[in-house]
Amino acid sequence: KIEKICAYLQELQITANKYYDSVAMVND
């Protein structure tokens, strides 16, 4: 279960950081 959750959290983190960069660029 932990491996499944950690894989999900890693995917979410990577996606969130990618989106943060895009939103921050547009905001600038």
PDB file of all heavy atoms in Angstrom:
ATOM      1  N   LYS A   1       0.833  -1.207   0.000  1.00  0.00           N
ATOM      2  CA  LYS A   1       0.000   0.000   0.000  1.00  0.00           C
ATOM      3  C   LYS A   1       0.865   1.254   0.000  1.00  0.00           C
ATOM      4  O   LYS A   1       0.586   2.232  -0.702  1.00  0.00           O
ATOM      5  CB  LYS A   1      -0.923   0.006   1.224  1.00  0.00           C
ATOM      6  CG  LYS A   1      -2.049  -1.010   1.171  1.00  0.00           C
ATOM      7  CD  LYS A   1      -2.956  -0.859   2.384  1.00  0.00           C
ATOM      8  CE  LYS A   1      -4.101  -1.853   2.350  1.00  0.00           C
ATOM      9  NZ  LYS A   1      -4.997  -1.717   3.536  1.00  0.00           N
ATOM     10  N   ILE A   2       1.915   1.227   0.806  1.00  0.00           N
ATOM     11  CA  ILE A   2       2.803   2.382   0.914  1.00  0.00           C
ATOM     12  C   ILE A   2       3.476   2.669  -0.423  1.00  0.00           C
ATOM     13  O   ILE A   2       3.590   3.822  -0.850  1.00  0.00           O
ATOM     14  CB  ILE A   2       3.853   2.153   2.025  1.00  0.00           C
ATOM     15  CG1 ILE A   2       3.175   2.239   3.402  1.00  0.00           C
ATOM     16  CG2 ILE A   2       4.987   3.178   1.932  1.00  0.00           C
ATOM     17  CD1 ILE A   2       4.081   1.867   4.562  1.00  0.00           C
ATOM     18  N   GLU A   3       3.915   1.637  -1.104  1.00  0.00           N
ATOM     19  CA  GLU A   3       4.549   1.812  -2.417  1.00  0.00           C
ATOM     20  C   GLU A   3       3.579   2.441  -3.412  1.00  0.00           C
ATOM     21  O   GLU A   3       3.951   3.318  -4.199  1.00  0.00           O
ATOM     22  CB  GLU A   3       5.054   0.474  -2.937  1.00  0.00           C
ATOM     23  CG  GLU A   3       6.285  -0.050  -2.203  1.00  0.00           C
ATOM     24  CD  GLU A   3       6.717  -1.430  -2.685  1.00  0.00           C
ATOM     25  OE1 GLU A   3       5.994  -2.005  -3.531  1.00  0.00           O
ATOM     26  OE2 GLU A   3       7.748  -1.926  -2.214  1.00  0.00           O
ATOM     27  N   LYS A   4       2.327   2.017  -3.345  1.00  0.00           N
ATOM     28  CA  LYS A   4       1.311   2.558  -4.237  1.00  0.00           C
ATOM     29  C   LYS A   4       1.051   4.032  -3.932  1.00  0.00           C
ATOM     30  O   LYS A   4       0.975   4.868  -4.851  1.00  0.00           O
ATOM     31  CB  LYS A   4       0.008   1.756  -4.078  1.00  0.00           C
ATOM     32  CG  LYS A   4      -1.138   2.238  -4.956  1.00  0.00           C
ATOM     33  CD  LYS A   4      -2.389   1.407  -4.706  1.00  0.00           C
ATOM     34  CE  LYS A   4      -3.568   1.922  -5.527  1.00  0.00           C
ATOM     35  NZ  LYS A   4      -4.810   1.156  -5.257  1.00  0.00           N
ATOM     36  N   ILE A   5       0.940   4.358  -2.657  1.00  0.00           N
ATOM     37  CA  ILE A   5       0.679   5.747  -2.264  1.00  0.00           C
ATOM     38  C   ILE A   5       1.865   6.640  -2.609  1.00  0.00           C
ATOM     39  O   ILE A   5       1.696   7.753  -3.121  1.00  0.00           O
ATOM     40  CB  ILE A   5       0.365   5.836  -0.755  1.00  0.00           C
ATOM     41  CG1 ILE A   5      -0.930   5.078  -0.446  1.00  0.00           C
ATOM     42  CG2 ILE A   5       0.231   7.289  -0.312  1.00  0.00           C
ATOM     43  CD1 ILE A   5      -1.194   4.895   1.034  1.00  0.00           C
ATOM     44  N   CYS A   6       3.078   6.170  -2.341  1.00  0.00           N
ATOM     45  CA  CYS A   6       4.272   6.972  -2.619  1.00  0.00           C
ATOM     46  C   CYS A   6       4.426   7.231  -4.115  1.00  0.00           C
ATOM     47  O   CYS A   6       4.817   8.335  -4.516  1.00  0.00           O
ATOM     48  CB  CYS A   6       5.520   6.292  -2.068  1.00  0.00           C
ATOM     49  SG  CYS A   6       5.680   6.417  -0.267  1.00  0.00           S
ATOM     50  N   ALA A   7       4.119   6.243  -4.934  1.00  0.00           N
ATOM     51  CA  ALA A   7       4.186   6.428  -6.384  1.00  0.00           C
ATOM     52  C   ALA A   7       3.185   7.496  -6.823  1.00  0.00           C
ATOM     53  O   ALA A   7       3.485   8.348  -7.668  1.00  0.00           O
ATOM     54  CB  ALA A   7       3.903   5.111  -7.104  1.00  0.00           C
ATOM     55  N   TYR A   8       1.989   7.455  -6.236  1.00  0.00           N
ATOM     56  CA  TYR A   8       0.967   8.457  -6.536  1.00  0.00           C
ATOM     57  C   TYR A   8       1.428   9.847  -6.088  1.00  0.00           C
ATOM     58  O   TYR A   8       1.302  10.834  -6.836  1.00  0.00           O
ATOM     59  CB  TYR A   8      -0.342   8.093  -5.835  1.00  0.00           C
ATOM     60  CG  TYR A   8      -1.340   9.226  -5.798  1.00  0.00           C
ATOM     61  CD1 TYR A   8      -2.152   9.497  -6.892  1.00  0.00           C
ATOM     62  CD2 TYR A   8      -1.456  10.032  -4.674  1.00  0.00           C
ATOM     63  CE1 TYR A   8      -3.058  10.542  -6.867  1.00  0.00           C
ATOM     64  CE2 TYR A   8      -2.352  11.085  -4.636  1.00  0.00           C
ATOM     65  CZ  TYR A   8      -3.154  11.338  -5.735  1.00  0.00           C
ATOM     66  OH  TYR A   8      -4.029  12.386  -5.711  1.00  0.00           O
ATOM     67  N   LEU A   9       1.955   9.948  -4.877  1.00  0.00           N
ATOM     68  CA  LEU A   9       2.403  11.234  -4.352  1.00  0.00           C
ATOM     69  C   LEU A   9       3.542  11.811  -5.183  1.00  0.00           C
ATOM     70  O   LEU A   9       3.623  13.027  -5.380  1.00  0.00           O
ATOM     71  CB  LEU A   9       2.830  11.084  -2.892  1.00  0.00           C
ATOM     72  CG  LEU A   9       1.705  10.841  -1.878  1.00  0.00           C
ATOM     73  CD1 LEU A   9       2.282  10.492  -0.510  1.00  0.00           C
ATOM     74  CD2 LEU A   9       0.789  12.059  -1.777  1.00  0.00           C
ATOM     75  N   GLN A  10       4.431  10.954  -5.658  1.00  0.00           N
ATOM     76  CA  GLN A  10       5.528  11.414  -6.504  1.00  0.00           C
ATOM     77  C   GLN A  10       4.996  11.975  -7.825  1.00  0.00           C
ATOM     78  O   GLN A  10       5.457  13.018  -8.303  1.00  0.00           O
ATOM     79  CB  GLN A  10       6.497  10.261  -6.772  1.00  0.00           C
ATOM     80  CG  GLN A  10       7.352   9.891  -5.564  1.00  0.00           C
ATOM     81  CD  GLN A  10       8.140   8.605  -5.781  1.00  0.00           C
ATOM     82  OE1 GLN A  10       8.023   7.946  -6.817  1.00  0.00           O
ATOM     83  NE2 GLN A  10       8.941   8.239  -4.799  1.00  0.00           N
ATOM     84  N   GLU A  11       4.023  11.284  -8.405  1.00  0.00           N
ATOM     85  CA  GLU A  11       3.416  11.769  -9.648  1.00  0.00           C
ATOM     86  C   GLU A  11       2.731  13.112  -9.420  1.00  0.00           C
ATOM     87  O   GLU A  11       2.858  14.039 -10.232  1.00  0.00           O
ATOM     88  CB  GLU A  11       2.409  10.751 -10.187  1.00  0.00           C
ATOM     89  CG  GLU A  11       1.759  11.184 -11.503  1.00  0.00           C
ATOM     90  CD  GLU A  11       0.642  10.262 -11.948  1.00  0.00           C
ATOM     91  OE1 GLU A  11       0.100   9.515 -11.108  1.00  0.00           O
ATOM     92  OE2 GLU A  11       0.301  10.306 -13.148  1.00  0.00           O
ATOM     93  N   LEU A  12       2.018  13.235  -8.312  1.00  0.00           N
ATOM     94  CA  LEU A  12       1.334  14.476  -7.991  1.00  0.00           C
ATOM     95  C   LEU A  12       2.336  15.609  -7.778  1.00  0.00           C
ATOM     96  O   LEU A  12       2.130  16.731  -8.245  1.00  0.00           O
ATOM     97  CB  LEU A  12       0.471  14.289  -6.738  1.00  0.00           C
ATOM     98  CG  LEU A  12      -0.262  15.527  -6.208  1.00  0.00           C
ATOM     99  CD1 LEU A  12      -1.172  16.112  -7.283  1.00  0.00           C
ATOM    100  CD2 LEU A  12      -1.067  15.173  -4.958  1.00  0.00           C
ATOM    101  N   GLN A  13       3.424  15.318  -7.099  1.00  0.00           N
ATOM    102  CA  GLN A  13       4.441  16.334  -6.829  1.00  0.00           C
ATOM    103  C   GLN A  13       5.097  16.827  -8.122  1.00  0.00           C
ATOM    104  O   GLN A  13       5.264  18.039  -8.318  1.00  0.00           O
ATOM    105  CB  GLN A  13       5.503  15.769  -5.888  1.00  0.00           C
ATOM    106  CG  GLN A  13       6.572  16.786  -5.485  1.00  0.00           C
ATOM    107  CD  GLN A  13       7.541  16.209  -4.467  1.00  0.00           C
ATOM    108  OE1 GLN A  13       7.746  14.996  -4.397  1.00  0.00           O
ATOM    109  NE2 GLN A  13       8.121  17.073  -3.651  1.00  0.00           N
ATOM    110  N   ILE A  14       5.460  15.905  -8.986  1.00  0.00           N
ATOM    111  CA  ILE A  14       6.080  16.274 -10.265  1.00  0.00           C
ATOM    112  C   ILE A  14       5.127  17.142 -11.090  1.00  0.00           C
ATOM    113  O   ILE A  14       5.509  18.165 -11.669  1.00  0.00           O
ATOM    114  CB  ILE A  14       6.476  15.014 -11.055  1.00  0.00           C
ATOM    115  CG1 ILE A  14       7.651  14.308 -10.360  1.00  0.00           C
ATOM    116  CG2 ILE A  14       6.847  15.364 -12.495  1.00  0.00           C
ATOM    117  CD1 ILE A  14       7.947  12.923 -10.905  1.00  0.00           C
ATOM    118  N   THR A  15       3.865  16.742 -11.128  1.00  0.00           N
ATOM    119  CA  THR A  15       2.861  17.471 -11.896  1.00  0.00           C
ATOM    120  C   THR A  15       2.614  18.851 -11.293  1.00  0.00           C
ATOM    121  O   THR A  15       2.495  19.850 -12.021  1.00  0.00           O
ATOM    122  CB  THR A  15       1.543  16.683 -11.945  1.00  0.00           C
ATOM    123  OG1 THR A  15       1.794  15.375 -12.473  1.00  0.00           O
ATOM    124  CG2 THR A  15       0.515  17.378 -12.816  1.00  0.00           C
ATOM    125  N   ALA A  16       2.531  18.928  -9.970  1.00  0.00           N
ATOM    126  CA  ALA A  16       2.302  20.206  -9.291  1.00  0.00           C
ATOM    127  C   ALA A  16       3.446  21.175  -9.550  1.00  0.00           C
ATOM    128  O   ALA A  16       3.223  22.371  -9.798  1.00  0.00           O
ATOM    129  CB  ALA A  16       2.131  19.978  -7.789  1.00  0.00           C
ATOM    130  N   ASN A  17       4.677  20.689  -9.500  1.00  0.00           N
ATOM    131  CA  ASN A  17       5.833  21.554  -9.728  1.00  0.00           C
ATOM    132  C   ASN A  17       5.881  22.051 -11.172  1.00  0.00           C
ATOM    133  O   ASN A  17       6.227  23.203 -11.440  1.00  0.00           O
ATOM    134  CB  ASN A  17       7.126  20.821  -9.376  1.00  0.00           C
ATOM    135  CG  ASN A  17       7.310  20.673  -7.871  1.00  0.00           C
ATOM    136  OD1 ASN A  17       6.802  21.461  -7.094  1.00  0.00           O
ATOM    137  ND2 ASN A  17       8.038  19.639  -7.459  1.00  0.00           N
ATOM    138  N   LYS A  18       5.522  21.169 -12.092  1.00  0.00           N
ATOM    139  CA  LYS A  18       5.470  21.567 -13.506  1.00  0.00           C
ATOM    140  C   LYS A  18       4.405  22.647 -13.703  1.00  0.00           C
ATOM    141  O   LYS A  18       4.640  23.630 -14.434  1.00  0.00           O
ATOM    142  CB  LYS A  18       5.157  20.335 -14.357  1.00  0.00           C
ATOM    143  CG  LYS A  18       5.030  20.611 -15.846  1.00  0.00           C
ATOM    144  CD  LYS A  18       4.896  19.313 -16.649  1.00  0.00           C
ATOM    145  CE  LYS A  18       3.636  18.559 -16.293  1.00  0.00           C
ATOM    146  NZ  LYS A  18       3.447  17.350 -17.159  1.00  0.00           N
ATOM    147  N   TYR A  19       3.260  22.476 -13.049  1.00  0.00           N
ATOM    148  CA  TYR A  19       2.185  23.457 -13.193  1.00  0.00           C
ATOM    149  C   TYR A  19       2.543  24.759 -12.493  1.00  0.00           C
ATOM    150  O   TYR A  19       2.211  25.848 -12.987  1.00  0.00           O
ATOM    151  CB  TYR A  19       0.882  22.887 -12.640  1.00  0.00           C
ATOM    152  CG  TYR A  19      -0.345  23.590 -13.180  1.00  0.00           C
ATOM    153  CD1 TYR A  19      -0.558  23.678 -14.553  1.00  0.00           C
ATOM    154  CD2 TYR A  19      -1.289  24.147 -12.329  1.00  0.00           C
ATOM    155  CE1 TYR A  19      -1.675  24.312 -15.069  1.00  0.00           C
ATOM    156  CE2 TYR A  19      -2.406  24.784 -12.822  1.00  0.00           C
ATOM    157  CZ  TYR A  19      -2.602  24.871 -14.194  1.00  0.00           C
ATOM    158  OH  TYR A  19      -3.702  25.505 -14.699  1.00  0.00           O
ATOM    159  N   TYR A  20       3.207  24.658 -11.357  1.00  0.00           N
ATOM    160  CA  TYR A  20       3.652  25.861 -10.638  1.00  0.00           C
ATOM    161  C   TYR A  20       4.530  26.717 -11.550  1.00  0.00           C
ATOM    162  O   TYR A  20       4.360  27.945 -11.623  1.00  0.00           O
ATOM    163  CB  TYR A  20       4.430  25.473  -9.379  1.00  0.00           C
ATOM    164  CG  TYR A  20       4.991  26.661  -8.616  1.00  0.00           C
ATOM    165  CD1 TYR A  20       4.259  27.252  -7.581  1.00  0.00           C
ATOM    166  CD2 TYR A  20       6.245  27.186  -8.937  1.00  0.00           C
ATOM    167  CE1 TYR A  20       4.769  28.341  -6.898  1.00  0.00           C
ATOM    168  CE2 TYR A  20       6.750  28.274  -8.256  1.00  0.00           C
ATOM    169  CZ  TYR A  20       6.019  28.854  -7.237  1.00  0.00           C
ATOM    170  OH  TYR A  20       6.525  29.941  -6.565  1.00  0.00           O
ATOM    171  N   ASP A  21       5.473  26.087 -12.229  1.00  0.00           N
ATOM    172  CA  ASP A  21       6.378  26.821 -13.120  1.00  0.00           C
ATOM    173  C   ASP A  21       5.598  27.540 -14.213  1.00  0.00           C
ATOM    174  O   ASP A  21       5.909  28.690 -14.568  1.00  0.00           O
ATOM    175  CB  ASP A  21       7.391  25.863 -13.747  1.00  0.00           C
ATOM    176  CG  ASP A  21       8.407  25.336 -12.742  1.00  0.00           C
ATOM    177  OD1 ASP A  21       8.559  25.951 -11.662  1.00  0.00           O
ATOM    178  OD2 ASP A  21       9.045  24.293 -13.029  1.00  0.00           O
ATOM    179  N   SER A  22       4.591  26.885 -14.773  1.00  0.00           N
ATOM    180  CA  SER A  22       3.795  27.494 -15.839  1.00  0.00           C
ATOM    181  C   SER A  22       2.967  28.660 -15.318  1.00  0.00           C
ATOM    182  O   SER A  22       2.937  29.742 -15.924  1.00  0.00           O
ATOM    183  CB  SER A  22       2.879  26.440 -16.472  1.00  0.00           C
ATOM    184  OG  SER A  22       2.110  27.007 -17.514  1.00  0.00           O
ATOM    185  N   VAL A  23       2.287  28.458 -14.193  1.00  0.00           N
ATOM    186  CA  VAL A  23       1.468  29.527 -13.610  1.00  0.00           C
ATOM    187  C   VAL A  23       2.338  30.718 -13.218  1.00  0.00           C
ATOM    188  O   VAL A  23       1.972  31.880 -13.449  1.00  0.00           O
ATOM    189  CB  VAL A  23       0.687  29.001 -12.384  1.00  0.00           C
ATOM    190  CG1 VAL A  23      -0.018  30.148 -11.659  1.00  0.00           C
ATOM    191  CG2 VAL A  23      -0.332  27.948 -12.803  1.00  0.00           C
ATOM    192  N   ALA A  24       3.500  30.447 -12.627  1.00  0.00           N
ATOM    193  CA  ALA A  24       4.405  31.522 -12.218  1.00  0.00           C
ATOM    194  C   ALA A  24       4.903  32.300 -13.432  1.00  0.00           C
ATOM    195  O   ALA A  24       5.034  33.542 -13.383  1.00  0.00           O
ATOM    196  CB  ALA A  24       5.587  30.942 -11.439  1.00  0.00           C
ATOM    197  N   MET A  25       5.178  31.611 -14.528  1.00  0.00           N
ATOM    198  CA  MET A  25       5.635  32.271 -15.756  1.00  0.00           C
ATOM    199  C   MET A  25       4.562  33.208 -16.292  1.00  0.00           C
ATOM    200  O   MET A  25       4.831  34.368 -16.641  1.00  0.00           O
ATOM    201  CB  MET A  25       6.003  31.207 -16.794  1.00  0.00           C
ATOM    202  CG  MET A  25       6.464  31.764 -18.142  1.00  0.00           C
ATOM    203  SD  MET A  25       5.101  32.044 -19.321  1.00  0.00           S
ATOM    204  CE  MET A  25       4.566  30.356 -19.633  1.00  0.00           C
ATOM    205  N   VAL A  26       3.311  32.725 -16.352  1.00  0.00           N
ATOM    206  CA  VAL A  26       2.208  33.559 -16.837  1.00  0.00           C
ATOM    207  C   VAL A  26       1.986  34.734 -15.889  1.00  0.00           C
ATOM    208  O   VAL A  26       1.732  35.870 -16.328  1.00  0.00           O
ATOM    209  CB  VAL A  26       0.913  32.730 -16.977  1.00  0.00           C
ATOM    210  CG1 VAL A  26      -0.257  33.628 -17.386  1.00  0.00           C
ATOM    211  CG2 VAL A  26       1.096  31.608 -17.992  1.00  0.00           C
ATOM    212  N   ASN A  27       2.117  34.506 -14.595  1.00  0.00           N
ATOM    213  CA  ASN A  27       1.927  35.571 -13.620  1.00  0.00           C
ATOM    214  C   ASN A  27       2.989  36.660 -13.774  1.00  0.00           C
ATOM    215  O   ASN A  27       2.690  37.855 -13.624  1.00  0.00           O
ATOM    216  CB  ASN A  27       1.974  34.994 -12.204  1.00  0.00           C
ATOM    217  CG  ASN A  27       1.627  36.021 -11.143  1.00  0.00           C
ATOM    218  OD1 ASN A  27       0.667  36.776 -11.286  1.00  0.00           O
ATOM    219  ND2 ASN A  27       2.408  36.057 -10.073  1.00  0.00           N
ATOM    220  N   ASP A  28       4.216  36.263 -14.057  1.00  0.00           N
ATOM    221  CA  ASP A  28       5.282  37.250 -14.271  1.00  0.00           C
ATOM    222  C   ASP A  28       4.955  38.139 -15.471  1.00  0.00           C
ATOM    223  O   ASP A  28       5.160  39.366 -15.437  1.00  0.00           O
ATOM    224  CB  ASP A  28       6.625  36.554 -14.498  1.00  0.00           C
ATOM    225  CG  ASP A  28       7.204  35.969 -13.221  1.00  0.00           C
ATOM    226  OD1 ASP A  28       6.768  36.375 -12.121  1.00  0.00           O
ATOM    227  OD2 ASP A  28       8.085  35.087 -13.314  1.00  0.00           O
TER     228      ASP A  28
END
